[in-house]
PDB file of N, CA and C in Angstrom:
ATOM      1  N   UNK A   1     -58.425  51.097 -67.966  1.00  0.00           N
ATOM      2  CA  UNK A   1     -58.251  52.510 -67.713  1.00  0.00           C
ATOM      3  C   UNK A   1     -58.596  53.280 -68.986  1.00  0.00           C
ATOM      4  N   UNK A   2     -59.361  54.318 -68.848  1.00  0.00           N
ATOM      5  CA  UNK A   2     -59.753  55.120 -69.990  1.00  0.00           C
ATOM      6  C   UNK A   2     -58.660  56.140 -70.313  1.00  0.00           C
ATOM      7  N   UNK A   3     -58.606  56.564 -71.582  1.00  0.00           N
ATOM      8  CA  UNK A   3     -57.565  57.476 -72.039  1.00  0.00           C
ATOM      9  C   UNK A   3     -57.535  58.763 -71.228  1.00  0.00           C
ATOM     10  N   UNK A   4     -58.694  59.291 -70.841  1.00  0.00           N
ATOM     11  CA  UNK A   4     -58.715  60.543 -70.096  1.00  0.00           C
ATOM     12  C   UNK A   4     -58.167  60.382 -68.684  1.00  0.00           C
ATOM     13  N   UNK A   5     -58.033  59.158 -68.197  1.00  0.00           N
ATOM     14  CA  UNK A   5     -57.480  58.887 -66.880  1.00  0.00           C
ATOM     15  C   UNK A   5     -55.957  58.797 -66.892  1.00  0.00           C
ATOM     16  N   UNK A   6     -55.362  58.686 -68.073  1.00  0.00           N
ATOM     17  CA  UNK A   6     -53.925  58.512 -68.188  1.00  0.00           C
ATOM     18  C   UNK A   6     -53.191  59.838 -68.030  1.00  0.00           C
ATOM     19  N   UNK A   7     -51.991  59.763 -67.458  1.00  0.00           N
ATOM     20  CA  UNK A   7     -51.130  60.935 -67.347  1.00  0.00           C
ATOM     21  C   UNK A   7     -50.687  61.311 -68.761  1.00  0.00           C
ATOM     22  N   UNK A   8     -50.891  62.561 -69.117  1.00  0.00           N
ATOM     23  CA  UNK A   8     -50.594  63.031 -70.468  1.00  0.00           C
ATOM     24  C   UNK A   8     -49.097  63.145 -70.719  1.00  0.00           C
ATOM     25  N   UNK A   9     -48.726  62.950 -71.963  1.00  0.00           N
ATOM     26  CA  UNK A   9     -47.341  63.097 -72.379  1.00  0.00           C
ATOM     27  C   UNK A   9     -46.912  64.562 -72.281  1.00  0.00           C
ATOM     28  N   UNK A  10     -45.669  64.802 -71.858  1.00  0.00           N
ATOM     29  CA  UNK A  10     -45.164  66.169 -71.800  1.00  0.00           C
ATOM     30  C   UNK A  10     -44.641  66.676 -73.145  1.00  0.00           C
ATOM     31  N   UNK A  11     -44.769  65.878 -74.187  1.00  0.00           N
ATOM     32  CA  UNK A  11     -44.263  66.249 -75.506  1.00  0.00           C
ATOM     33  C   UNK A  11     -44.901  67.550 -75.991  1.00  0.00           C
ATOM     34  N   UNK A  12     -44.044  68.459 -76.489  1.00  0.00           N
ATOM     35  CA  UNK A  12     -44.542  69.720 -77.048  1.00  0.00           C
ATOM     36  C   UNK A  12     -44.246  69.818 -78.542  1.00  0.00           C
ATOM     37  N   UNK A  13     -43.799  68.705 -79.134  1.00  0.00           N
ATOM     38  CA  UNK A  13     -43.556  68.668 -80.564  1.00  0.00           C
ATOM     39  C   UNK A  13     -42.268  69.342 -80.997  1.00  0.00           C
ATOM     40  N   UNK A  14     -41.358  69.594 -80.069  1.00  0.00           N
ATOM     41  CA  UNK A  14     -40.059  70.175 -80.384  1.00  0.00           C
ATOM     42  C   UNK A  14     -39.005  69.109 -80.107  1.00  0.00           C
ATOM     43  N   UNK A  15     -38.993  68.096 -80.939  1.00  0.00           N
ATOM     44  CA  UNK A  15     -38.232  66.883 -80.676  1.00  0.00           C
ATOM     45  C   UNK A  15     -36.808  66.977 -81.216  1.00  0.00           C
ATOM     46  N   UNK A  16     -35.896  67.403 -80.349  1.00  0.00           N
ATOM     47  CA  UNK A  16     -34.475  67.477 -80.684  1.00  0.00           C
ATOM     48  C   UNK A  16     -33.700  66.956 -79.491  1.00  0.00           C
ATOM     49  N   UNK A  17     -32.868  65.958 -79.700  1.00  0.00           N
ATOM     50  CA  UNK A  17     -32.103  65.364 -78.615  1.00  0.00           C
ATOM     51  C   UNK A  17     -30.852  66.192 -78.353  1.00  0.00           C
ATOM     52  N   UNK A  18     -30.720  66.667 -77.118  1.00  0.00           N
ATOM     53  CA  UNK A  18     -29.534  67.394 -76.686  1.00  0.00           C
ATOM     54  C   UNK A  18     -28.409  66.373 -76.533  1.00  0.00           C
ATOM     55  N   UNK A  19     -27.378  66.481 -77.331  1.00  0.00           N
ATOM     56  CA  UNK A  19     -26.309  65.479 -77.339  1.00  0.00           C
ATOM     57  C   UNK A  19     -25.482  65.475 -76.058  1.00  0.00           C
ATOM     58  N   UNK A  20     -25.383  66.614 -75.397  1.00  0.00           N
ATOM     59  CA  UNK A  20     -24.611  66.694 -74.156  1.00  0.00           C
ATOM     60  C   UNK A  20     -25.377  66.109 -72.971  1.00  0.00           C
ATOM     61  N   UNK A  21     -26.611  66.515 -72.819  1.00  0.00           N
ATOM     62  CA  UNK A  21     -27.411  66.087 -71.660  1.00  0.00           C
ATOM     63  C   UNK A  21     -28.159  64.784 -71.908  1.00  0.00           C
ATOM     64  N   UNK A  22     -28.321  64.415 -73.162  1.00  0.00           N
ATOM     65  CA  UNK A  22     -28.978  63.152 -73.554  1.00  0.00           C
ATOM     66  C   UNK A  22     -30.473  63.128 -73.281  1.00  0.00           C
ATOM     67  N   UNK A  23     -31.142  64.287 -73.403  1.00  0.00           N
ATOM     68  CA  UNK A  23     -32.587  64.297 -73.330  1.00  0.00           C
ATOM     69  C   UNK A  23     -33.162  65.287 -74.337  1.00  0.00           C
ATOM     70  N   UNK A  24     -34.445  65.159 -74.596  1.00  0.00           N
ATOM     71  CA  UNK A  24     -35.133  65.987 -75.583  1.00  0.00           C
ATOM     72  C   UNK A  24     -35.162  67.434 -75.112  1.00  0.00           C
ATOM     73  N   UNK A  25     -34.835  68.351 -75.990  1.00  0.00           N
ATOM     74  CA  UNK A  25     -34.842  69.776 -75.651  1.00  0.00           C
ATOM     75  C   UNK A  25     -36.263  70.304 -75.458  1.00  0.00           C
ATOM     76  N   UNK A  26     -37.244  69.629 -76.005  1.00  0.00           N
ATOM     77  CA  UNK A  26     -38.634  70.067 -75.870  1.00  0.00           C
ATOM     78  C   UNK A  26     -39.296  69.605 -74.592  1.00  0.00           C
ATOM     79  N   UNK A  27     -39.242  68.304 -74.321  1.00  0.00           N
ATOM     80  CA  UNK A  27     -39.969  67.752 -73.162  1.00  0.00           C
ATOM     81  C   UNK A  27     -39.058  67.333 -72.012  1.00  0.00           C
ATOM     82  N   UNK A  28     -37.753  67.354 -72.228  1.00  0.00           N
ATOM     83  CA  UNK A  28     -36.751  67.009 -71.216  1.00  0.00           C
ATOM     84  C   UNK A  28     -36.758  65.538 -70.807  1.00  0.00           C
ATOM     85  N   UNK A  29     -37.338  64.672 -71.644  1.00  0.00           N
ATOM     86  CA  UNK A  29     -37.275  63.232 -71.380  1.00  0.00           C
ATOM     87  C   UNK A  29     -36.068  62.637 -72.090  1.00  0.00           C
ATOM     88  N   UNK A  30     -35.528  61.558 -71.517  1.00  0.00           N
ATOM     89  CA  UNK A  30     -34.472  60.820 -72.197  1.00  0.00           C
ATOM     90  C   UNK A  30     -35.105  60.006 -73.327  1.00  0.00           C
ATOM     91  N   UNK A  31     -34.277  59.523 -74.220  1.00  0.00           N
ATOM     92  CA  UNK A  31     -34.799  58.712 -75.325  1.00  0.00           C
ATOM     93  C   UNK A  31     -35.463  57.446 -74.785  1.00  0.00           C
ATOM     94  N   UNK A  32     -34.913  56.869 -73.729  1.00  0.00           N
ATOM     95  CA  UNK A  32     -35.523  55.670 -73.125  1.00  0.00           C
ATOM     96  C   UNK A  32     -36.886  55.988 -72.520  1.00  0.00           C
ATOM     97  N   UNK A  33     -37.008  57.151 -71.883  1.00  0.00           N
ATOM     98  CA  UNK A  33     -38.299  57.553 -71.314  1.00  0.00           C
ATOM     99  C   UNK A  33     -39.331  57.789 -72.409  1.00  0.00           C
ATOM    100  N   UNK A  34     -38.903  58.383 -73.510  1.00  0.00           N
ATOM    101  CA  UNK A  34     -39.809  58.623 -74.638  1.00  0.00           C
ATOM    102  C   UNK A  34     -40.286  57.292 -75.220  1.00  0.00           C
ATOM    103  N   UNK A  35     -39.368  56.390 -75.441  1.00  0.00           N
ATOM    104  CA  UNK A  35     -39.714  55.082 -76.014  1.00  0.00           C
ATOM    105  C   UNK A  35     -40.670  54.298 -75.125  1.00  0.00           C
ATOM    106  N   UNK A  36     -40.462  54.371 -73.820  1.00  0.00           N
ATOM    107  CA  UNK A  36     -41.251  53.566 -72.876  1.00  0.00           C
ATOM    108  C   UNK A  36     -42.587  54.200 -72.512  1.00  0.00           C
ATOM    109  N   UNK A  37     -42.786  55.478 -72.821  1.00  0.00           N
ATOM    110  CA  UNK A  37     -43.957  56.211 -72.342  1.00  0.00           C
ATOM    111  C   UNK A  37     -45.269  55.484 -72.619  1.00  0.00           C
ATOM    112  N   UNK A  38     -45.456  54.953 -73.798  1.00  0.00           N
ATOM    113  CA  UNK A  38     -46.728  54.311 -74.173  1.00  0.00           C
ATOM    114  C   UNK A  38     -47.073  53.116 -73.288  1.00  0.00           C
ATOM    115  N   UNK A  39     -46.067  52.442 -72.783  1.00  0.00           N
ATOM    116  CA  UNK A  39     -46.325  51.237 -71.999  1.00  0.00           C
ATOM    117  C   UNK A  39     -46.200  51.471 -70.490  1.00  0.00           C
ATOM    118  N   UNK A  40     -45.870  52.689 -70.088  1.00  0.00           N
ATOM    119  CA  UNK A  40     -45.731  52.998 -68.667  1.00  0.00           C
ATOM    120  C   UNK A  40     -47.088  53.077 -67.974  1.00  0.00           C
ATOM    121  N   UNK A  41     -47.087  52.688 -66.719  1.00  0.00           N
ATOM    122  CA  UNK A  41     -48.242  52.884 -65.846  1.00  0.00           C
ATOM    123  C   UNK A  41     -48.209  54.338 -65.375  1.00  0.00           C
ATOM    124  N   UNK A  42     -49.347  54.830 -64.876  1.00  0.00           N
ATOM    125  CA  UNK A  42     -49.422  56.219 -64.429  1.00  0.00           C
ATOM    126  C   UNK A  42     -48.379  56.567 -63.372  1.00  0.00           C
ATOM    127  N   UNK A  43     -48.124  55.667 -62.431  1.00  0.00           N
ATOM    128  CA  UNK A  43     -47.132  55.978 -61.388  1.00  0.00           C
ATOM    129  C   UNK A  43     -45.737  56.144 -61.995  1.00  0.00           C
ATOM    130  N   UNK A  44     -45.433  55.368 -63.039  1.00  0.00           N
ATOM    131  CA  UNK A  44     -44.147  55.502 -63.718  1.00  0.00           C
ATOM    132  C   UNK A  44     -44.077  56.826 -64.482  1.00  0.00           C
ATOM    133  N   UNK A  45     -45.173  57.209 -65.097  1.00  0.00           N
ATOM    134  CA  UNK A  45     -45.227  58.481 -65.814  1.00  0.00           C
ATOM    135  C   UNK A  45     -45.045  59.654 -64.851  1.00  0.00           C
ATOM    136  N   UNK A  46     -45.658  59.549 -63.682  1.00  0.00           N
ATOM    137  CA  UNK A  46     -45.497  60.617 -62.678  1.00  0.00           C
ATOM    138  C   UNK A  46     -44.047  60.709 -62.216  1.00  0.00           C
ATOM    139  N   UNK A  47     -43.384  59.576 -62.101  1.00  0.00           N
ATOM    140  CA  UNK A  47     -41.967  59.569 -61.729  1.00  0.00           C
ATOM    141  C   UNK A  47     -41.140  60.293 -62.791  1.00  0.00           C
ATOM    142  N   UNK A  48     -41.434  60.046 -64.048  1.00  0.00           N
ATOM    143  CA  UNK A  48     -40.731  60.733 -65.141  1.00  0.00           C
ATOM    144  C   UNK A  48     -41.010  62.233 -65.070  1.00  0.00           C
ATOM    145  N   UNK A  49     -42.256  62.617 -64.815  1.00  0.00           N
ATOM    146  CA  UNK A  49     -42.587  64.036 -64.711  1.00  0.00           C
ATOM    147  C   UNK A  49     -41.835  64.699 -63.566  1.00  0.00           C
ATOM    148  N   UNK A  50     -41.610  63.983 -62.475  1.00  0.00           N
ATOM    149  CA  UNK A  50     -40.820  64.514 -61.362  1.00  0.00           C
ATOM    150  C   UNK A  50     -39.360  64.713 -61.781  1.00  0.00           C
ATOM    151  N   UNK A  51     -38.831  63.750 -62.537  1.00  0.00           N
ATOM    152  CA  UNK A  51     -37.461  63.882 -63.043  1.00  0.00           C
ATOM    153  C   UNK A  51     -37.354  65.088 -63.977  1.00  0.00           C
ATOM    154  N   UNK A  52     -38.369  65.271 -64.815  1.00  0.00           N
ATOM    155  CA  UNK A  52     -38.387  66.403 -65.734  1.00  0.00           C
ATOM    156  C   UNK A  52     -38.359  67.713 -64.951  1.00  0.00           C
ATOM    157  N   UNK A  53     -39.136  67.789 -63.878  1.00  0.00           N
ATOM    158  CA  UNK A  53     -39.164  69.002 -63.056  1.00  0.00           C
ATOM    159  C   UNK A  53     -37.775  69.293 -62.487  1.00  0.00           C
ATOM    160  N   UNK A  54     -37.066  68.267 -62.074  1.00  0.00           N
ATOM    161  CA  UNK A  54     -35.707  68.432 -61.572  1.00  0.00           C
ATOM    162  C   UNK A  54     -34.752  68.897 -62.657  1.00  0.00           C
ATOM    163  N   UNK A  55     -34.903  68.348 -63.847  1.00  0.00           N
ATOM    164  CA  UNK A  55     -34.050  68.762 -64.969  1.00  0.00           C
ATOM    165  C   UNK A  55     -34.301  70.213 -65.338  1.00  0.00           C
ATOM    166  N   UNK A  56     -35.574  70.582 -65.330  1.00  0.00           N
ATOM    167  CA  UNK A  56     -35.946  71.961 -65.642  1.00  0.00           C
ATOM    168  C   UNK A  56     -35.377  72.923 -64.599  1.00  0.00           C
ATOM    169  N   UNK A  57     -35.466  72.551 -63.335  1.00  0.00           N
ATOM    170  CA  UNK A  57     -34.931  73.394 -62.259  1.00  0.00           C
ATOM    171  C   UNK A  57     -33.415  73.558 -62.409  1.00  0.00           C
ATOM    172  N   UNK A  58     -32.737  72.486 -62.792  1.00  0.00           N
ATOM    173  CA  UNK A  58     -31.276  72.543 -62.981  1.00  0.00           C
ATOM    174  C   UNK A  58     -30.903  73.462 -64.136  1.00  0.00           C
ATOM    175  N   UNK A  59     -31.734  73.503 -65.164  1.00  0.00           N
ATOM    176  CA  UNK A  59     -31.465  74.381 -66.311  1.00  0.00           C
ATOM    177  C   UNK A  59     -31.640  75.855 -65.957  1.00  0.00           C
ATOM    178  N   UNK A  60     -32.576  76.139 -65.060  1.00  0.00           N
ATOM    179  CA  UNK A  60     -32.872  77.520 -64.677  1.00  0.00           C
ATOM    180  C   UNK A  60     -31.754  78.101 -63.809  1.00  0.00           C
ATOM    181  N   UNK A  61     -31.095  77.260 -63.022  1.00  0.00           N
ATOM    182  CA  UNK A  61     -30.052  77.741 -62.112  1.00  0.00           C
ATOM    183  C   UNK A  61     -28.833  78.214 -62.813  1.00  0.00           C
TER     184      UNK A  61
END
């Protein structure tokens, strides 16, 4: 698989772990999701992006 075919990281370079929610305040990934990102398959990355969308929606409410 070529690099341009891979699902891009949601990292925005604002890497601060929220101690209460246990995920990055910038990209909304957990520390485990961040660590595993490099070795994830695209379907796994899409699953993480779906979780991020849910976390973002919960923050807006």
